[in-house]
């Protein structure tokens, strides 16, 4: 039985006019907004194979960012990595 390869995911970092800036493996890449699912928004996690929003991964990422914001507001050290305040 062939092992399943891990999903390739991207996070929508920002939308600029008709371009979406995605973060894939720590690198920024751009895609035409029209090539992504309708209604995609900043912070969504996309499965690059199916080009669909991964709702579960998106909610997990949003919860992680929210927890980091709460820690920062309490003056505690946020976790390593990039996140928006």
Protein backbone atom coordinates (compact mmCIF):
# COMPACT_ATOMS: atom_id res chain seq x y z
CA UNK A 1 0.00 0.00 0.00
CA UNK A 2 1.39 3.37 -1.05
CA UNK A 3 1.86 5.86 1.84
CA UNK A 4 -0.20 9.00 1.61
CA UNK A 5 1.78 12.15 1.06
CA UNK A 6 1.08 15.04 3.41
CA UNK A 7 -1.32 17.67 2.15
CA UNK A 8 0.22 20.76 0.68
CA UNK A 9 -1.43 23.74 2.32
CA UNK A 10 -1.21 27.49 1.95
CA UNK A 11 -2.45 30.27 4.19
CA UNK A 12 -4.01 33.34 2.63
CA UNK A 13 -1.84 36.09 4.09
CA UNK A 14 -3.52 39.01 2.36
CA UNK A 15 -5.55 40.02 -0.65
CA UNK A 16 -4.32 42.91 -2.76
CA UNK A 17 -6.72 44.00 -5.49
CA UNK A 18 -7.08 40.94 -7.74
CA UNK A 19 -4.12 39.00 -6.25
CA UNK A 20 -3.97 36.74 -3.21
CA UNK A 21 -0.67 36.50 -1.34
CA UNK A 22 -0.29 32.97 0.00
CA UNK A 23 2.26 31.60 2.44
CA UNK A 24 3.46 28.14 1.39
CA UNK A 25 6.21 26.48 3.43
CA UNK A 26 7.27 29.87 4.78
CA UNK A 27 7.47 31.51 1.35
CA UNK A 28 5.11 34.07 -0.13
CA UNK A 29 3.58 33.29 -3.51
CA UNK A 30 0.88 35.13 -5.41
CA UNK A 31 -2.10 33.72 -7.22
CA UNK A 32 -4.87 35.48 -9.10
CA UNK A 33 -7.79 35.86 -6.71
CA UNK A 34 -10.10 34.53 -9.43
CA UNK A 35 -8.24 31.17 -9.36
CA UNK A 36 -9.14 30.60 -5.70
CA UNK A 37 -12.48 29.52 -4.22
CA UNK A 38 -15.18 32.18 -4.18
CA UNK A 39 -15.40 33.90 -0.82
CA UNK A 40 -11.82 33.05 0.23
CA UNK A 41 -10.52 35.51 2.81
CA UNK A 42 -7.39 36.41 4.70
CA UNK A 43 -6.45 33.74 7.23
CA UNK A 44 -8.06 30.87 5.32
CA UNK A 45 -6.02 27.69 4.90
CA UNK A 46 -6.19 26.21 1.41
CA UNK A 47 -5.54 22.66 0.30
CA UNK A 48 -3.44 23.30 -2.81
CA UNK A 49 -4.32 19.98 -4.42
CA UNK A 50 -8.08 20.54 -4.40
CA UNK A 51 -7.96 24.35 -4.15
CA UNK A 52 -10.59 24.22 -1.43
CA UNK A 53 -10.63 25.96 1.93
CA UNK A 54 -9.67 23.51 4.67
CA UNK A 55 -12.22 24.63 7.27
CA UNK A 56 -10.79 22.51 10.09
CA UNK A 57 -7.24 23.80 9.57
CA UNK A 58 -8.54 27.38 9.22
CA UNK A 59 -10.41 27.20 12.53
CA UNK A 60 -7.37 25.65 14.25
CA UNK A 61 -5.14 28.44 12.94
CA UNK A 62 -7.60 31.13 14.03
CA UNK A 63 -7.80 29.59 17.52
CA UNK A 64 -3.98 29.51 17.73
CA UNK A 65 -3.74 33.19 16.71
CA UNK A 66 -6.46 34.13 19.20
CA UNK A 67 -4.62 32.35 22.02
CA UNK A 68 -1.39 34.14 21.07
CA UNK A 69 -3.22 37.48 21.14
CA UNK A 70 -4.63 36.72 24.58
CA UNK A 71 -1.16 35.80 25.90
CA UNK A 72 0.31 38.98 24.43
CA UNK A 73 -2.42 41.08 26.04
CA UNK A 74 -1.57 39.50 29.40
CA UNK A 75 2.09 40.35 28.92
CA UNK A 76 3.22 36.76 28.46
CA UNK A 77 5.63 35.70 25.78
CA UNK A 78 3.82 34.66 22.60
CA UNK A 79 4.71 31.36 20.94
CA UNK A 80 7.49 31.37 18.35
CA UNK A 81 6.54 32.14 14.78
CA UNK A 82 4.67 34.83 12.91
CA UNK A 83 1.19 35.99 13.80
CA UNK A 84 -0.85 39.18 13.50
CA UNK A 85 -1.82 41.22 16.52
